[in-house]
């Protein structure tokens, strides 16, 4: 892995569950780590959903290998935008990097 390509900083976040004063479950996001990444934008998509235009931005994000990132409970922040992690593709052979397939525009904030 060419670490010189990791020129952008992204913040990884994990969903945490808690309860409010009324005992109702709430979900919030907690910072997991700020890491260097190679962020690429292969394409986007515009759609009409519920009479409102929706723009979805797709990103491919490569970070150093770690074991605490999963698509079900993590997301990332990049330049103020929230990206849902759709898939985590590890480098199983050498354990040098993770490729994160991400989308913004449809997240739960």
N, C-alpha and C. Protein backbone atom coordinates (compact mmCIF):
# COMPACT_ATOMS: atom_id res chain seq x y z
N UNK A 1 0.85 -1.17 0.00
CA UNK A 1 0.00 0.00 0.00
C UNK A 1 0.89 1.24 0.00
N UNK A 2 0.59 2.17 -0.88
CA UNK A 2 1.33 3.43 -0.97
C UNK A 2 0.71 4.43 0.00
N UNK A 3 1.32 4.60 1.18
CA UNK A 3 0.72 5.48 2.19
C UNK A 3 0.75 6.94 1.77
N UNK A 4 1.54 7.28 0.76
CA UNK A 4 1.56 8.65 0.25
C UNK A 4 0.24 9.06 -0.37
N UNK A 5 -0.60 8.11 -0.74
CA UNK A 5 -1.91 8.42 -1.32
C UNK A 5 -2.96 8.72 -0.25
N UNK A 6 -2.64 8.45 1.00
CA UNK A 6 -3.59 8.71 2.09
C UNK A 6 -3.46 10.19 2.49
N UNK A 7 -4.12 11.07 1.72
CA UNK A 7 -3.94 12.51 1.89
C UNK A 7 -5.12 13.21 2.54
N UNK A 8 -6.20 12.51 2.76
CA UNK A 8 -7.40 13.12 3.34
C UNK A 8 -7.65 12.53 4.73
N UNK A 9 -8.17 13.35 5.62
CA UNK A 9 -8.55 12.83 6.93
C UNK A 9 -10.06 12.61 6.96
N UNK A 10 -10.47 11.46 7.46
CA UNK A 10 -11.88 11.14 7.65
C UNK A 10 -12.07 10.72 9.09
N UNK A 11 -13.27 10.94 9.59
CA UNK A 11 -13.59 10.50 10.94
C UNK A 11 -14.52 9.30 10.85
N UNK A 12 -14.11 8.20 11.44
CA UNK A 12 -14.96 7.02 11.55
C UNK A 12 -15.83 7.19 12.79
N UNK A 13 -17.12 6.85 12.66
CA UNK A 13 -18.04 6.93 13.78
C UNK A 13 -18.77 5.61 13.94
N UNK A 14 -19.15 5.32 15.18
CA UNK A 14 -19.90 4.10 15.50
C UNK A 14 -21.22 4.48 16.13
N UNK A 15 -22.28 3.76 15.73
CA UNK A 15 -23.61 3.98 16.32
C UNK A 15 -23.62 3.40 17.73
N UNK A 16 -24.09 4.19 18.68
CA UNK A 16 -24.23 3.72 20.06
C UNK A 16 -25.68 3.89 20.48
N UNK A 17 -26.15 2.98 21.29
CA UNK A 17 -27.53 3.01 21.77
C UNK A 17 -27.55 3.39 23.23
N UNK A 18 -28.55 4.17 23.59
CA UNK A 18 -28.73 4.59 24.98
C UNK A 18 -30.23 4.76 25.21
N UNK A 19 -30.60 5.23 26.38
CA UNK A 19 -32.00 5.53 26.67
C UNK A 19 -32.10 6.97 27.15
N UNK A 20 -33.20 7.61 26.80
CA UNK A 20 -33.41 8.98 27.26
C UNK A 20 -34.06 8.97 28.64
N UNK A 21 -34.42 10.17 29.13
CA UNK A 21 -34.99 10.28 30.48
C UNK A 21 -36.30 9.50 30.64
N UNK A 22 -37.03 9.34 29.53
CA UNK A 22 -38.30 8.62 29.57
C UNK A 22 -38.11 7.11 29.39
N UNK A 23 -36.86 6.68 29.25
CA UNK A 23 -36.60 5.25 29.08
C UNK A 23 -36.72 4.78 27.65
N UNK A 24 -36.87 5.71 26.71
CA UNK A 24 -36.99 5.36 25.30
C UNK A 24 -35.60 5.17 24.69
N UNK A 25 -35.45 4.19 23.82
CA UNK A 25 -34.14 3.98 23.19
C UNK A 25 -33.82 5.10 22.21
N UNK A 26 -32.58 5.55 22.23
CA UNK A 26 -32.10 6.55 21.27
C UNK A 26 -30.78 6.06 20.69
N UNK A 27 -30.50 6.49 19.47
CA UNK A 27 -29.26 6.13 18.80
C UNK A 27 -28.48 7.40 18.51
N UNK A 28 -27.22 7.40 18.87
CA UNK A 28 -26.34 8.53 18.58
C UNK A 28 -25.06 8.00 17.93
N UNK A 29 -24.22 8.91 17.49
CA UNK A 29 -22.97 8.54 16.85
C UNK A 29 -21.80 9.02 17.69
N UNK A 30 -20.82 8.15 17.87
CA UNK A 30 -19.65 8.44 18.68
C UNK A 30 -18.40 8.28 17.82
N UNK A 31 -17.46 9.22 17.96
CA UNK A 31 -16.22 9.15 17.18
C UNK A 31 -15.46 7.88 17.55
N UNK A 32 -15.05 7.14 16.54
CA UNK A 32 -14.27 5.93 16.72
C UNK A 32 -12.78 6.24 16.51
N UNK A 33 -12.48 6.96 15.42
CA UNK A 33 -11.09 7.33 15.12
C UNK A 33 -11.07 8.33 13.98
N UNK A 34 -10.04 9.15 13.94
CA UNK A 34 -9.77 10.00 12.79
C UNK A 34 -8.54 9.41 12.11
N UNK A 35 -8.70 9.08 10.82
CA UNK A 35 -7.64 8.36 10.10
C UNK A 35 -7.37 9.03 8.75
N UNK A 36 -6.18 8.75 8.22
CA UNK A 36 -5.82 9.21 6.89
C UNK A 36 -6.41 8.25 5.86
N UNK A 37 -6.86 8.82 4.73
CA UNK A 37 -7.55 8.01 3.73
C UNK A 37 -7.27 8.51 2.32
N UNK A 38 -7.50 7.62 1.37
CA UNK A 38 -7.52 7.96 -0.05
C UNK A 38 -8.99 7.93 -0.44
N UNK A 39 -9.56 9.10 -0.75
CA UNK A 39 -10.99 9.21 -1.04
C UNK A 39 -11.15 9.44 -2.54
N UNK A 40 -11.97 8.62 -3.17
CA UNK A 40 -12.25 8.74 -4.60
C UNK A 40 -13.76 8.76 -4.81
N UNK A 41 -14.18 9.47 -5.86
CA UNK A 41 -15.59 9.60 -6.16
C UNK A 41 -15.87 9.04 -7.55
N UNK A 42 -16.27 7.76 -7.64
CA UNK A 42 -16.51 7.15 -8.94
C UNK A 42 -17.80 7.60 -9.62
N UNK A 43 -18.73 8.17 -8.88
CA UNK A 43 -19.98 8.59 -9.52
C UNK A 43 -21.02 9.00 -8.52
N UNK A 44 -22.12 9.48 -9.05
CA UNK A 44 -23.23 9.90 -8.21
C UNK A 44 -24.54 9.52 -8.86
N UNK A 45 -25.63 9.89 -8.22
CA UNK A 45 -26.95 9.52 -8.70
C UNK A 45 -27.94 10.57 -8.23
N UNK A 46 -28.83 10.97 -9.11
CA UNK A 46 -29.90 11.86 -8.71
C UNK A 46 -31.22 11.12 -8.89
N UNK A 47 -32.11 11.29 -7.95
CA UNK A 47 -33.40 10.61 -8.01
C UNK A 47 -34.46 11.49 -7.38
N UNK A 48 -35.70 11.19 -7.69
CA UNK A 48 -36.82 11.87 -7.06
C UNK A 48 -37.41 10.89 -6.05
N UNK A 49 -37.48 11.32 -4.81
CA UNK A 49 -38.01 10.48 -3.75
C UNK A 49 -38.96 11.33 -2.93
N UNK A 50 -40.22 10.91 -2.84
CA UNK A 50 -41.25 11.61 -2.06
C UNK A 50 -41.34 13.07 -2.49
N UNK A 51 -41.41 13.29 -3.80
CA UNK A 51 -41.55 14.63 -4.39
C UNK A 51 -40.39 15.56 -4.06
N UNK A 52 -39.25 15.04 -3.72
CA UNK A 52 -38.07 15.86 -3.46
C UNK A 52 -36.88 15.26 -4.20
N UNK A 53 -36.06 16.14 -4.77
CA UNK A 53 -34.88 15.65 -5.47
C UNK A 53 -33.83 15.20 -4.45
N UNK A 54 -33.24 14.07 -4.71
CA UNK A 54 -32.25 13.49 -3.82
C UNK A 54 -30.97 13.24 -4.61
N UNK A 55 -29.86 13.74 -4.12
CA UNK A 55 -28.58 13.50 -4.75
C UNK A 55 -27.77 12.55 -3.88
N UNK A 56 -27.35 11.46 -4.48
CA UNK A 56 -26.54 10.47 -3.77
C UNK A 56 -25.13 10.52 -4.34
N UNK A 57 -24.15 10.67 -3.47
CA UNK A 57 -22.76 10.68 -3.88
C UNK A 57 -22.11 9.39 -3.41
N UNK A 58 -21.48 8.71 -4.34
CA UNK A 58 -20.78 7.47 -4.00
C UNK A 58 -19.30 7.76 -3.84
N UNK A 59 -18.68 7.10 -2.89
CA UNK A 59 -17.25 7.29 -2.64
C UNK A 59 -16.59 5.94 -2.35
N UNK A 60 -15.35 5.84 -2.75
CA UNK A 60 -14.50 4.70 -2.40
C UNK A 60 -13.41 5.25 -1.50
N UNK A 61 -13.33 4.72 -0.29
CA UNK A 61 -12.41 5.25 0.72
C UNK A 61 -11.47 4.13 1.16
N UNK A 62 -10.17 4.35 0.97
CA UNK A 62 -9.17 3.36 1.40
C UNK A 62 -8.47 3.90 2.64
N UNK A 63 -8.45 3.06 3.69
CA UNK A 63 -7.77 3.41 4.94
C UNK A 63 -6.85 2.26 5.32
N UNK A 64 -5.98 2.51 6.29
CA UNK A 64 -5.13 1.42 6.79
C UNK A 64 -6.00 0.34 7.42
N UNK A 65 -5.51 -0.88 7.39
CA UNK A 65 -6.26 -2.03 7.90
C UNK A 65 -6.57 -1.86 9.39
N UNK A 66 -7.80 -2.14 9.73
CA UNK A 66 -8.23 -2.17 11.13
C UNK A 66 -9.36 -3.18 11.25
N UNK A 67 -9.60 -3.65 12.45
CA UNK A 67 -10.59 -4.71 12.66
C UNK A 67 -11.89 -4.20 13.28
N UNK A 68 -11.98 -2.92 13.58
CA UNK A 68 -13.15 -2.41 14.30
C UNK A 68 -14.13 -1.64 13.42
N UNK A 69 -14.06 -1.80 12.11
CA UNK A 69 -14.96 -1.11 11.20
C UNK A 69 -15.88 -2.12 10.54
N UNK A 70 -17.19 -1.87 10.59
CA UNK A 70 -18.15 -2.72 9.91
C UNK A 70 -19.26 -1.85 9.33
N UNK A 71 -19.90 -2.35 8.29
CA UNK A 71 -20.93 -1.58 7.59
C UNK A 71 -22.20 -1.42 8.42
N UNK A 72 -22.49 -2.36 9.29
CA UNK A 72 -23.74 -2.34 10.05
C UNK A 72 -23.79 -1.24 11.10
N UNK A 73 -22.65 -0.91 11.70
CA UNK A 73 -22.69 0.03 12.82
C UNK A 73 -21.77 1.23 12.67
N UNK A 74 -21.14 1.40 11.52
CA UNK A 74 -20.19 2.51 11.34
C UNK A 74 -20.59 3.39 10.16
N UNK A 75 -20.11 4.62 10.21
CA UNK A 75 -20.23 5.57 9.12
C UNK A 75 -18.97 6.44 9.15
N UNK A 76 -18.82 7.33 8.16
CA UNK A 76 -17.68 8.23 8.22
C UNK A 76 -18.09 9.64 7.84
N UNK A 77 -17.30 10.59 8.32
CA UNK A 77 -17.46 12.00 7.99
C UNK A 77 -16.27 12.43 7.16
N UNK A 78 -16.56 13.16 6.06
CA UNK A 78 -15.51 13.69 5.22
C UNK A 78 -15.93 15.06 4.73
N UNK A 79 -15.15 16.07 5.08
CA UNK A 79 -15.42 17.46 4.69
C UNK A 79 -16.84 17.88 5.03
N UNK A 80 -17.31 17.51 6.20
CA UNK A 80 -18.62 17.90 6.68
C UNK A 80 -19.78 17.06 6.18
N UNK A 81 -19.53 16.12 5.29
CA UNK A 81 -20.59 15.25 4.76
C UNK A 81 -20.56 13.90 5.47
N UNK A 82 -21.74 13.34 5.68
CA UNK A 82 -21.89 12.03 6.31
C UNK A 82 -21.99 10.98 5.21
N UNK A 83 -21.19 9.93 5.32
CA UNK A 83 -21.21 8.83 4.36
C UNK A 83 -21.55 7.54 5.08
N UNK A 84 -22.60 6.87 4.62
CA UNK A 84 -22.93 5.53 5.14
C UNK A 84 -21.97 4.53 4.50
N UNK A 85 -21.45 3.63 5.30
CA UNK A 85 -20.58 2.58 4.78
C UNK A 85 -21.47 1.44 4.30
N UNK A 86 -21.43 1.18 2.99
CA UNK A 86 -22.25 0.13 2.39
C UNK A 86 -21.56 -1.23 2.45
N UNK A 87 -20.23 -1.22 2.34
CA UNK A 87 -19.47 -2.48 2.37
C UNK A 87 -18.05 -2.21 2.84
N UNK A 88 -17.48 -3.18 3.53
CA UNK A 88 -16.09 -3.14 3.98
C UNK A 88 -15.35 -4.26 3.25
N UNK A 89 -14.37 -3.89 2.43
CA UNK A 89 -13.63 -4.86 1.64
C UNK A 89 -12.19 -4.91 2.13
N UNK A 90 -11.85 -5.88 2.96
CA UNK A 90 -10.50 -5.94 3.53
C UNK A 90 -9.48 -6.57 2.58
N UNK A 91 -8.24 -6.18 2.75
CA UNK A 91 -7.11 -6.81 2.07
C UNK A 91 -6.72 -8.01 2.93
N UNK A 92 -7.38 -9.13 2.73
CA UNK A 92 -7.17 -10.30 3.57
C UNK A 92 -5.78 -10.91 3.41
N UNK A 93 -5.19 -10.77 2.24
CA UNK A 93 -3.90 -11.40 2.00
C UNK A 93 -2.77 -10.76 2.80
N UNK A 94 -2.75 -9.42 2.84
CA UNK A 94 -1.64 -8.73 3.49
C UNK A 94 -2.06 -7.89 4.70
N UNK A 95 -3.36 -7.70 4.87
CA UNK A 95 -3.88 -6.89 5.98
C UNK A 95 -3.23 -5.52 6.05
N UNK A 96 -3.17 -4.87 4.88
CA UNK A 96 -2.59 -3.53 4.83
C UNK A 96 -3.64 -2.44 4.77
N UNK A 97 -4.80 -2.72 4.18
CA UNK A 97 -5.80 -1.68 3.99
C UNK A 97 -7.22 -2.24 4.02
N UNK A 98 -8.18 -1.32 4.15
CA UNK A 98 -9.61 -1.60 3.99
C UNK A 98 -10.12 -0.67 2.91
N UNK A 99 -10.93 -1.18 2.01
CA UNK A 99 -11.66 -0.34 1.06
C UNK A 99 -13.09 -0.25 1.56
N UNK A 100 -13.56 0.98 1.75
CA UNK A 100 -14.92 1.22 2.23
C UNK A 100 -15.75 1.76 1.07
N UNK A 101 -16.83 1.08 0.74
CA UNK A 101 -17.77 1.53 -0.28
C UNK A 101 -18.82 2.37 0.45
N UNK A 102 -18.91 3.66 0.09
CA UNK A 102 -19.74 4.60 0.86
C UNK A 102 -20.70 5.37 -0.03
N UNK A 103 -21.78 5.87 0.59
CA UNK A 103 -22.76 6.74 -0.08
C UNK A 103 -23.18 7.83 0.88
N UNK A 104 -23.37 9.02 0.33
CA UNK A 104 -23.97 10.10 1.12
C UNK A 104 -25.28 10.48 0.47
N UNK A 105 -26.12 11.17 1.21
CA UNK A 105 -27.39 11.63 0.67
C UNK A 105 -28.58 10.82 1.13
N UNK A 106 -28.37 9.64 1.68
CA UNK A 106 -29.47 8.80 2.16
C UNK A 106 -29.26 8.38 3.60
N UNK A 107 -28.38 9.07 4.32
CA UNK A 107 -28.03 8.63 5.67
C UNK A 107 -29.06 9.06 6.69
N UNK A 108 -28.94 8.48 7.88
CA UNK A 108 -29.88 8.79 8.96
C UNK A 108 -29.36 9.88 9.88
N UNK A 109 -28.24 10.49 9.50
CA UNK A 109 -27.69 11.63 10.23
C UNK A 109 -27.38 11.30 11.62
